[in-house]
Amino acid sequence: MKRMANIARMGRNQQGLSLIELMVAMVIGLVLILGVTQIFINNQKSYLFQQGQVGNQENGRFSLALLSQELSKAGYRSDPTKTFPAGSGQGCTFPAGTSVIAVSATALCIRYQAANRADVNCQGSALASGDQATIVNPYRQINPIVVEKIAFDSATSSILCTSGTTSQQLVTGVAALNFDFGSGPADLKTVTVFNTNPTGTVGTVRYAILMQSPGTASIRDTTATSPALTEWNKRFGSGPADSTQIFQLVQGTTMIRNQMQ
C-alpha cells in the first residue's frame, strides 16, 4: 500500500514543462542556432574571398609571364648583324631598326624573326608551311618576320593577341592594363623617359595589370574601395566603376634586349 501511495504521489508531481519554460528553451536554442549560422556564413565568405584572391594571383602571375615571354622575343634576328628594315603589320608602322611600337596605353605591336621551324606565335600557332621551308639554318640568314599586337579588351575583360587575321584571348579576368614605354637616344643603350607615347626607340616596356575576380555579391565589401583599385586610380586615373570587386595589382618590366645596333 505504501508503495502504491508513493507512485501516486510521484504522478501528481510530474506535471511537465510550463509554457514559460518551453519558451525560454526555444529562445536559447534559437540564439545558439543563429550564432552557429553566423559563424558558418563568415567562414564561407572568408573562404570564397581567399579563393577569389588566389584566382587573381594565378591569373596575375600568368599575365606577367606571358607579357615577359612575348616582349623577350621582340627584336630577335636570326642574323644579328642585320637590322630590321622598315615594315608594317597589325595596323602598326615600324621604322627601320625598331621592334616595338606603342599603339596606346593599352596596346602595343612587336615584331621578331622566327627562331626555328617549331617556333609559335602568341596564339600558339605554328608558322605557315611555306615560312617553315625557308628556315634552313638557325643563324646567319633572314628568317620570316612575325608581327603581333597585344591589347586590352574592356568588352571581354581580357588581354588579346592578334597575329595574322585572328585575335585570341590570352588572359581573362583583367579589369585594366597600362603600358609605359621607356625610350632614349638612338644608341638604345639608355632609357631616359617613360611615357605612353614615346618619341624615341622603345628599349623597355613597363606594364601594370589590374586583376579582377568578382565572386558573388555576398562576399564583397560594399563599405570600402579596394586598396588595389585605389592605388590604380591614383597612378593611372579612373579605373573600373564597380569598386566592390576583388582586385589585385601586378606589374613588371621587360627590357627589349634584342633591340641593339
C-alpha atoms as a PDB file:
ATOM      1  CA  MET A   1       0.000   0.000   0.000  1.00  0.00           C
ATOM      2  CA  LYS A   2       2.795   2.372   0.892  1.00  0.00           C
ATOM      3  CA  ARG A   3       4.484   1.712  -2.446  1.00  0.00           C
ATOM      4  CA  MET A   4       1.325   2.451  -4.358  1.00  0.00           C
ATOM      5  CA  ALA A   5       0.909   5.701  -2.432  1.00  0.00           C
ATOM      6  CA  ASN A   6       4.433   6.787  -3.395  1.00  0.00           C
ATOM      7  CA  ILE A   7       3.739   6.058  -7.070  1.00  0.00           C
ATOM      8  CA  ALA A   8       0.541   8.061  -6.955  1.00  0.00           C
ATOM      9  CA  ARG A   9       2.342  10.982  -5.306  1.00  0.00           C
ATOM     10  CA  MET A  10       5.104  10.947  -7.961  1.00  0.00           C
ATOM     11  CA  GLY A  11       2.469  11.024 -10.716  1.00  0.00           C
ATOM     12  CA  ARG A  12       0.921  14.129  -9.205  1.00  0.00           C
ATOM     13  CA  ASN A  13       4.357  15.883  -9.015  1.00  0.00           C
ATOM     14  CA  GLN A  14       5.338  15.180 -12.700  1.00  0.00           C
ATOM     15  CA  GLN A  15       3.206  17.785 -14.459  1.00  0.00           C
ATOM     16  CA  GLY A  16       5.610  18.505 -17.490  1.00  0.00           C
ATOM     17  CA  LEU A  17       7.077  21.845 -18.676  1.00  0.00           C
ATOM     18  CA  SER A  18       5.314  25.092 -18.264  1.00  0.00           C
ATOM     19  CA  LEU A  19       4.780  27.438 -21.246  1.00  0.00           C
ATOM     20  CA  ILE A  20       7.364  29.873 -19.885  1.00  0.00           C
ATOM     21  CA  GLU A  21       9.981  27.144 -19.534  1.00  0.00           C
ATOM     22  CA  LEU A  22       9.301  25.956 -23.083  1.00  0.00           C
ATOM     23  CA  MET A  23       9.635  29.490 -24.494  1.00  0.00           C
ATOM     24  CA  VAL A  24      12.898  30.066 -22.631  1.00  0.00           C
ATOM     25  CA  ALA A  25      14.298  26.803 -24.011  1.00  0.00           C
ATOM     26  CA  MET A  26      13.251  27.784 -27.546  1.00  0.00           C
ATOM     27  CA  VAL A  27      14.858  31.223 -27.241  1.00  0.00           C
ATOM     28  CA  ILE A  28      18.121  29.695 -26.042  1.00  0.00           C
ATOM     29  CA  GLY A  29      18.046  27.201 -28.905  1.00  0.00           C
ATOM     30  CA  LEU A  30      17.398  29.937 -31.482  1.00  0.00           C
ATOM     31  CA  VAL A  31      20.276  32.058 -30.144  1.00  0.00           C
ATOM     32  CA  LEU A  32      22.628  29.093 -30.414  1.00  0.00           C
ATOM     33  CA  ILE A  33      21.439  28.315 -33.959  1.00  0.00           C
ATOM     34  CA  LEU A  34      21.847  31.939 -35.060  1.00  0.00           C
ATOM     35  CA  GLY A  35      25.351  32.073 -33.602  1.00  0.00           C
ATOM     36  CA  VAL A  36      26.439  28.880 -35.337  1.00  0.00           C
ATOM     37  CA  THR A  37      24.856  30.043 -38.622  1.00  0.00           C
ATOM     38  CA  GLN A  38      26.674  33.392 -38.482  1.00  0.00           C
ATOM     39  CA  ILE A  39      30.000  31.674 -37.845  1.00  0.00           C
ATOM     40  CA  PHE A  40      29.366  29.407 -40.834  1.00  0.00           C
ATOM     41  CA  ILE A  41      28.470  32.354 -43.104  1.00  0.00           C
ATOM     42  CA  ASN A  42      31.562  34.323 -42.049  1.00  0.00           C
ATOM     43  CA  ASN A  43      33.817  31.329 -42.643  1.00  0.00           C
ATOM     44  CA  GLN A  44      32.209  30.731 -46.039  1.00  0.00           C
ATOM     45  CA  LYS A  45      32.686  34.386 -47.051  1.00  0.00           C
ATOM     46  CA  SER A  46      36.323  34.278 -45.944  1.00  0.00           C
ATOM     47  CA  TYR A  47      36.905  31.071 -47.917  1.00  0.00           C
ATOM     48  CA  LEU A  48      35.294  32.447 -51.091  1.00  0.00           C
ATOM     49  CA  PHE A  49      37.238  35.707 -50.760  1.00  0.00           C
ATOM     50  CA  GLN A  50      40.505  33.806 -50.421  1.00  0.00           C
ATOM     51  CA  GLN A  51      39.581  31.719 -53.453  1.00  0.00           C
ATOM     52  CA  GLY A  52      38.968  34.907 -55.431  1.00  0.00           C
ATOM     53  CA  GLN A  53      42.356  36.276 -54.413  1.00  0.00           C
ATOM     54  CA  VAL A  54      44.058  33.005 -55.314  1.00  0.00           C
ATOM     55  CA  GLY A  55      42.455  33.235 -58.752  1.00  0.00           C
ATOM     56  CA  ASN A  56      43.742  36.794 -59.113  1.00  0.00           C
ATOM     57  CA  GLN A  57      47.237  35.729 -58.098  1.00  0.00           C
ATOM     58  CA  GLU A  58      47.315  32.842 -60.554  1.00  0.00           C
ATOM     59  CA  ASN A  59      45.999  34.977 -63.423  1.00  0.00           C
ATOM     60  CA  GLY A  60      48.384  37.772 -62.444  1.00  0.00           C
ATOM     61  CA  ARG A  61      51.434  35.506 -62.489  1.00  0.00           C
ATOM     62  CA  PHE A  62      50.357  34.064 -65.828  1.00  0.00           C
ATOM     63  CA  SER A  63      49.829  37.549 -67.288  1.00  0.00           C
ATOM     64  CA  LEU A  64      53.290  38.721 -66.225  1.00  0.00           C
ATOM     65  CA  ALA A  65      54.947  35.570 -67.544  1.00  0.00           C
ATOM     66  CA  LEU A  66      53.076  35.863 -70.843  1.00  0.00           C
ATOM     67  CA  LEU A  67      53.948  39.520 -71.446  1.00  0.00           C
ATOM     68  CA  SER A  68      57.566  38.915 -70.466  1.00  0.00           C
ATOM     69  CA  GLN A  69      57.767  35.945 -72.836  1.00  0.00           C
ATOM     70  CA  GLU A  70      56.373  37.821 -75.825  1.00  0.00           C
ATOM     71  CA  LEU A  71      58.328  41.034 -75.200  1.00  0.00           C
ATOM     72  CA  SER A  72      61.511  38.990 -74.832  1.00  0.00           C
ATOM     73  CA  LYS A  73      61.028  37.863 -78.436  1.00  0.00           C
ATOM     74  CA  ALA A  74      60.736  41.422 -79.727  1.00  0.00           C
ATOM     75  CA  GLY A  75      63.653  42.378 -81.921  1.00  0.00           C
ATOM     76  CA  TYR A  76      65.071  38.866 -82.278  1.00  0.00           C
ATOM     77  CA  ARG A  77      67.019  38.470 -85.503  1.00  0.00           C
ATOM     78  CA  SER A  78      68.393  35.229 -86.850  1.00  0.00           C
ATOM     79  CA  ASP A  79      71.270  37.256 -88.257  1.00  0.00           C
ATOM     80  CA  PRO A  80      72.299  39.730 -85.527  1.00  0.00           C
ATOM     81  CA  THR A  81      74.475  41.661 -87.969  1.00  0.00           C
ATOM     82  CA  LYS A  82      71.405  42.763 -89.921  1.00  0.00           C
ATOM     83  CA  THR A  83      68.919  45.351 -88.643  1.00  0.00           C
ATOM     84  CA  PHE A  84      65.188  45.215 -89.206  1.00  0.00           C
ATOM     85  CA  PRO A  85      64.044  47.010 -92.350  1.00  0.00           C
ATOM     86  CA  ALA A  86      61.038  49.338 -92.272  1.00  0.00           C
ATOM     87  CA  GLY A  87      57.774  47.424 -92.306  1.00  0.00           C
ATOM     88  CA  SER A  88      54.199  47.241 -91.130  1.00  0.00           C
ATOM     89  CA  GLY A  89      51.639  44.829 -89.741  1.00  0.00           C
ATOM     90  CA  GLN A  90      48.581  44.672 -87.460  1.00  0.00           C
ATOM     91  CA  GLY A  91      47.925  48.349 -88.186  1.00  0.00           C
ATOM     92  CA  CYS A  92      51.387  49.389 -86.936  1.00  0.00           C
ATOM     93  CA  THR A  93      54.167  51.009 -88.956  1.00  0.00           C
ATOM     94  CA  PHE A  94      57.699  50.018 -87.932  1.00  0.00           C
ATOM     95  CA  PRO A  95      60.559  52.368 -88.840  1.00  0.00           C
ATOM     96  CA  ALA A  96      63.813  50.643 -89.777  1.00  0.00           C
ATOM     97  CA  GLY A  97      65.562  49.113 -86.775  1.00  0.00           C
ATOM     98  CA  THR A  98      62.546  49.156 -84.424  1.00  0.00           C
ATOM     99  CA  SER A  99      60.771  46.165 -82.951  1.00  0.00           C
ATOM    100  CA  VAL A 100      58.179  47.671 -80.549  1.00  0.00           C
ATOM    101  CA  ILE A 101      55.515  50.211 -81.469  1.00  0.00           C
ATOM    102  CA  ALA A 102      53.399  51.935 -78.817  1.00  0.00           C
ATOM    103  CA  VAL A 103      49.808  51.981 -80.045  1.00  0.00           C
ATOM    104  CA  SER A 104      48.312  53.390 -76.831  1.00  0.00           C
ATOM    105  CA  ALA A 105      48.496  52.952 -73.078  1.00  0.00           C
ATOM    106  CA  THR A 106      46.666  49.643 -73.503  1.00  0.00           C
ATOM    107  CA  ALA A 107      48.118  48.226 -76.737  1.00  0.00           C
ATOM    108  CA  LEU A 108      51.419  47.626 -78.497  1.00  0.00           C
ATOM    109  CA  CYS A 109      52.844  45.856 -81.551  1.00  0.00           C
ATOM    110  CA  ILE A 110      56.013  43.774 -81.627  1.00  0.00           C
ATOM    111  CA  ARG A 111      57.921  42.031 -84.382  1.00  0.00           C
ATOM    112  CA  TYR A 112      60.653  39.409 -84.426  1.00  0.00           C
ATOM    113  CA  GLN A 113      62.109  36.803 -86.703  1.00  0.00           C
ATOM    114  CA  ALA A 114      61.196  33.176 -86.168  1.00  0.00           C
ATOM    115  CA  ALA A 115      63.958  31.309 -84.360  1.00  0.00           C
ATOM    116  CA  ASN A 116      63.319  27.881 -85.884  1.00  0.00           C
ATOM    117  CA  ARG A 117      60.696  25.836 -87.710  1.00  0.00           C
ATOM    118  CA  ALA A 118      58.984  24.873 -84.445  1.00  0.00           C
ATOM    119  CA  ASP A 119      58.502  28.494 -83.369  1.00  0.00           C
ATOM    120  CA  VAL A 120      54.937  29.544 -82.482  1.00  0.00           C
ATOM    121  CA  ASN A 121      53.272  32.925 -82.124  1.00  0.00           C
ATOM    122  CA  CYS A 122      51.416  34.305 -79.089  1.00  0.00           C
ATOM    123  CA  GLN A 123      48.353  32.262 -80.038  1.00  0.00           C
ATOM    124  CA  GLY A 124      50.342  29.029 -80.039  1.00  0.00           C
ATOM    125  CA  SER A 125      50.044  28.719 -83.820  1.00  0.00           C
ATOM    126  CA  ALA A 126      52.933  27.369 -85.873  1.00  0.00           C
ATOM    127  CA  LEU A 127      54.467  29.136 -88.843  1.00  0.00           C
ATOM    128  CA  ALA A 128      52.937  28.592 -92.252  1.00  0.00           C
ATOM    129  CA  SER A 129      54.479  25.659 -94.074  1.00  0.00           C
ATOM    130  CA  GLY A 130      55.977  28.000 -96.676  1.00  0.00           C
ATOM    131  CA  ASP A 131      57.705  30.050 -93.953  1.00  0.00           C
ATOM    132  CA  GLN A 132      58.985  26.913 -92.261  1.00  0.00           C
ATOM    133  CA  ALA A 133      60.554  25.745 -95.504  1.00  0.00           C
ATOM    134  CA  THR A 134      62.640  28.944 -95.730  1.00  0.00           C
ATOM    135  CA  ILE A 135      64.358  28.249 -92.403  1.00  0.00           C
ATOM    136  CA  VAL A 136      67.410  26.181 -93.240  1.00  0.00           C
ATOM    137  CA  ASN A 137      69.930  27.400 -90.667  1.00  0.00           C
ATOM    138  CA  PRO A 138      69.195  28.809 -87.200  1.00  0.00           C
ATOM    139  CA  TYR A 139      71.562  31.761 -87.738  1.00  0.00           C
ATOM    140  CA  ARG A 140      73.181  33.845 -90.460  1.00  0.00           C
ATOM    141  CA  GLN A 141      70.041  34.104 -92.569  1.00  0.00           C
ATOM    142  CA  ILE A 142      66.897  36.243 -92.695  1.00  0.00           C
ATOM    143  CA  ASN A 143      64.069  34.200 -91.177  1.00  0.00           C
ATOM    144  CA  PRO A 144      60.347  35.050 -91.611  1.00  0.00           C
ATOM    145  CA  ILE A 145      59.176  38.061 -89.584  1.00  0.00           C
ATOM    146  CA  VAL A 146      56.296  37.610 -87.122  1.00  0.00           C
ATOM    147  CA  VAL A 147      54.189  40.646 -86.145  1.00  0.00           C
ATOM    148  CA  GLU A 148      51.885  40.549 -83.109  1.00  0.00           C
ATOM    149  CA  LYS A 149      49.559  43.038 -81.475  1.00  0.00           C
ATOM    150  CA  ILE A 150      48.856  42.713 -77.752  1.00  0.00           C
ATOM    151  CA  ALA A 151      45.981  44.793 -76.393  1.00  0.00           C
ATOM    152  CA  PHE A 152      43.472  45.072 -73.568  1.00  0.00           C
ATOM    153  CA  ASP A 153      39.834  44.412 -74.489  1.00  0.00           C
ATOM    154  CA  SER A 154      37.465  46.019 -71.985  1.00  0.00           C
ATOM    155  CA  ALA A 155      34.418  44.317 -73.517  1.00  0.00           C
ATOM    156  CA  THR A 156      35.670  40.868 -72.518  1.00  0.00           C
ATOM    157  CA  SER A 157      37.947  41.923 -69.610  1.00  0.00           C
ATOM    158  CA  SER A 158      40.852  40.160 -71.270  1.00  0.00           C
ATOM    159  CA  ILE A 159      44.237  40.616 -72.934  1.00  0.00           C
ATOM    160  CA  LEU A 160      44.064  39.815 -76.635  1.00  0.00           C
ATOM    161  CA  CYS A 161      46.754  38.763 -79.055  1.00  0.00           C
ATOM    162  CA  THR A 162      46.277  39.442 -82.769  1.00  0.00           C
ATOM    163  CA  SER A 163      48.527  37.608 -85.198  1.00  0.00           C
ATOM    164  CA  GLY A 164      47.679  37.276 -88.826  1.00  0.00           C
ATOM    165  CA  THR A 165      43.940  37.752 -89.286  1.00  0.00           C
ATOM    166  CA  THR A 166      42.722  36.316 -85.978  1.00  0.00           C
ATOM    167  CA  SER A 167      42.585  37.505 -82.374  1.00  0.00           C
ATOM    168  CA  GLN A 168      42.633  35.278 -79.317  1.00  0.00           C
ATOM    169  CA  GLN A 169      42.148  35.849 -75.609  1.00  0.00           C
ATOM    170  CA  LEU A 170      45.341  35.204 -73.672  1.00  0.00           C
ATOM    171  CA  VAL A 171      44.207  36.097 -70.146  1.00  0.00           C
ATOM    172  CA  THR A 172      40.730  36.734 -68.743  1.00  0.00           C
ATOM    173  CA  GLY A 173      39.684  38.406 -65.508  1.00  0.00           C
ATOM    174  CA  VAL A 174      41.598  41.608 -66.354  1.00  0.00           C
ATOM    175  CA  ALA A 175      39.996  44.847 -65.196  1.00  0.00           C
ATOM    176  CA  ALA A 176      42.603  47.227 -66.679  1.00  0.00           C
ATOM    177  CA  LEU A 177      46.021  47.281 -68.348  1.00  0.00           C
ATOM    178  CA  ASN A 178      48.585  50.054 -68.686  1.00  0.00           C
ATOM    179  CA  PHE A 179      51.798  50.150 -70.729  1.00  0.00           C
ATOM    180  CA  ASP A 180      54.621  52.626 -70.121  1.00  0.00           C
ATOM    181  CA  PHE A 181      57.287  52.717 -72.815  1.00  0.00           C
ATOM    182  CA  GLY A 182      60.876  53.580 -71.979  1.00  0.00           C
ATOM    183  CA  SER A 183      62.799  55.316 -74.737  1.00  0.00           C
ATOM    184  CA  GLY A 184      66.085  57.102 -75.117  1.00  0.00           C
ATOM    185  CA  PRO A 185      68.814  58.103 -77.564  1.00  0.00           C
ATOM    186  CA  ALA A 186      69.332  56.314 -80.830  1.00  0.00           C
ATOM    187  CA  ASP A 187      72.145  54.158 -79.456  1.00  0.00           C
ATOM    188  CA  LEU A 188      69.478  52.253 -77.425  1.00  0.00           C
ATOM    189  CA  LYS A 189      71.839  51.950 -74.500  1.00  0.00           C
ATOM    190  CA  THR A 190      69.977  54.307 -72.162  1.00  0.00           C
ATOM    191  CA  VAL A 191      66.323  54.807 -71.272  1.00  0.00           C
ATOM    192  CA  THR A 192      65.744  58.419 -70.311  1.00  0.00           C
ATOM    193  CA  VAL A 193      61.953  58.700 -70.108  1.00  0.00           C
ATOM    194  CA  PHE A 194      58.854  56.552 -69.648  1.00  0.00           C
ATOM    195  CA  ASN A 195      55.540  57.533 -71.181  1.00  0.00           C
ATOM    196  CA  THR A 196      52.634  56.115 -73.145  1.00  0.00           C
ATOM    197  CA  ASN A 197      53.524  57.977 -76.345  1.00  0.00           C
ATOM    198  CA  PRO A 198      57.285  57.637 -76.837  1.00  0.00           C
ATOM    199  CA  THR A 199      59.090  59.686 -79.467  1.00  0.00           C
ATOM    200  CA  GLY A 200      62.314  57.658 -79.434  1.00  0.00           C
ATOM    201  CA  THR A 201      63.025  53.978 -79.986  1.00  0.00           C
ATOM    202  CA  VAL A 202      61.409  51.802 -77.318  1.00  0.00           C
ATOM    203  CA  GLY A 203      64.022  49.950 -75.266  1.00  0.00           C
ATOM    204  CA  THR A 204      61.955  48.965 -72.226  1.00  0.00           C
ATOM    205  CA  VAL A 205      58.283  48.273 -71.581  1.00  0.00           C
ATOM    206  CA  ARG A 206      56.721  48.640 -68.155  1.00  0.00           C
ATOM    207  CA  TYR A 207      53.284  47.113 -67.604  1.00  0.00           C
ATOM    208  CA  ALA A 208      50.733  47.174 -64.800  1.00  0.00           C
ATOM    209  CA  ILE A 209      47.673  44.905 -64.732  1.00  0.00           C
ATOM    210  CA  LEU A 210      44.620  45.193 -62.503  1.00  0.00           C
ATOM    211  CA  MET A 211      43.231  41.704 -62.000  1.00  0.00           C
ATOM    212  CA  GLN A 212      39.562  41.252 -61.126  1.00  0.00           C
ATOM    213  CA  SER A 213      37.791  38.310 -59.513  1.00  0.00           C
ATOM    214  CA  PRO A 214      34.238  39.471 -58.751  1.00  0.00           C
ATOM    215  CA  GLY A 215      32.937  36.381 -56.987  1.00  0.00           C
ATOM    216  CA  THR A 216      29.386  36.706 -55.636  1.00  0.00           C
ATOM    217  CA  ALA A 217      27.822  39.833 -54.217  1.00  0.00           C
ATOM    218  CA  SER A 218      27.616  38.260 -50.755  1.00  0.00           C
ATOM    219  CA  ILE A 219      31.410  38.186 -50.313  1.00  0.00           C
ATOM    220  CA  ARG A 220      32.119  41.734 -51.466  1.00  0.00           C
ATOM    221  CA  ASP A 221      32.805  44.584 -49.086  1.00  0.00           C
ATOM    222  CA  THR A 222      30.443  47.359 -50.163  1.00  0.00           C
ATOM    223  CA  THR A 223      31.633  49.750 -47.427  1.00  0.00           C
ATOM    224  CA  ALA A 224      35.159  50.416 -48.749  1.00  0.00           C
ATOM    225  CA  THR A 225      37.048  50.673 -52.034  1.00  0.00           C
ATOM    226  CA  SER A 226      39.650  48.007 -52.725  1.00  0.00           C
ATOM    227  CA  PRO A 227      43.196  49.244 -51.865  1.00  0.00           C
ATOM    228  CA  ALA A 228      44.393  47.847 -55.202  1.00  0.00           C
ATOM    229  CA  LEU A 229      41.782  49.889 -57.078  1.00  0.00           C
ATOM    230  CA  THR A 230      42.631  52.991 -55.027  1.00  0.00           C
ATOM    231  CA  GLU A 231      46.292  52.632 -55.999  1.00  0.00           C
ATOM    232  CA  TRP A 232      45.354  52.106 -59.652  1.00  0.00           C
ATOM    233  CA  ASN A 233      43.176  55.218 -59.722  1.00  0.00           C
ATOM    234  CA  LYS A 234      45.961  57.222 -58.100  1.00  0.00           C
ATOM    235  CA  ARG A 235      48.566  56.151 -60.658  1.00  0.00           C
ATOM    236  CA  PHE A 236      46.626  55.743 -63.888  1.00  0.00           C
ATOM    237  CA  GLY A 237      43.391  57.682 -63.487  1.00  0.00           C
ATOM    238  CA  SER A 238      39.876  56.318 -63.370  1.00  0.00           C
ATOM    239  CA  GLY A 239      39.627  52.537 -63.155  1.00  0.00           C
ATOM    240  CA  PRO A 240      36.595  50.221 -63.064  1.00  0.00           C
ATOM    241  CA  ALA A 241      33.420  51.866 -61.784  1.00  0.00           C
ATOM    242  CA  ASP A 242      32.423  48.945 -59.547  1.00  0.00           C
ATOM    243  CA  SER A 243      34.698  49.272 -56.506  1.00  0.00           C
ATOM    244  CA  THR A 244      33.216  46.241 -54.723  1.00  0.00           C
ATOM    245  CA  GLN A 245      35.032  43.699 -56.900  1.00  0.00           C
ATOM    246  CA  ILE A 246      38.013  41.702 -55.643  1.00  0.00           C
ATOM    247  CA  PHE A 247      41.075  43.374 -57.215  1.00  0.00           C
ATOM    248  CA  GLN A 248      44.799  42.779 -57.247  1.00  0.00           C
ATOM    249  CA  LEU A 249      47.525  44.884 -58.870  1.00  0.00           C
ATOM    250  CA  VAL A 250      50.528  43.204 -60.542  1.00  0.00           C
ATOM    251  CA  GLN A 251      53.316  44.827 -62.513  1.00  0.00           C
ATOM    252  CA  GLY A 252      56.562  44.068 -64.296  1.00  0.00           C
ATOM    253  CA  THR A 253      59.228  45.449 -66.630  1.00  0.00           C
ATOM    254  CA  THR A 254      60.875  43.871 -69.661  1.00  0.00           C
ATOM    255  CA  MET A 255      63.935  45.206 -71.438  1.00  0.00           C
ATOM    256  CA  ILE A 256      63.881  44.737 -75.196  1.00  0.00           C
ATOM    257  CA  ARG A 257      67.263  43.050 -75.031  1.00  0.00           C
ATOM    258  CA  ASN A 258      67.310  42.053 -78.706  1.00  0.00           C
ATOM    259  CA  GLN A 259      66.944  45.681 -79.720  1.00  0.00           C
ATOM    260  CA  MET A 260      70.547  46.650 -80.382  1.00  0.00           C
ATOM    261  CA  GLN A 261      72.627  48.237 -83.108  1.00  0.00           C
END
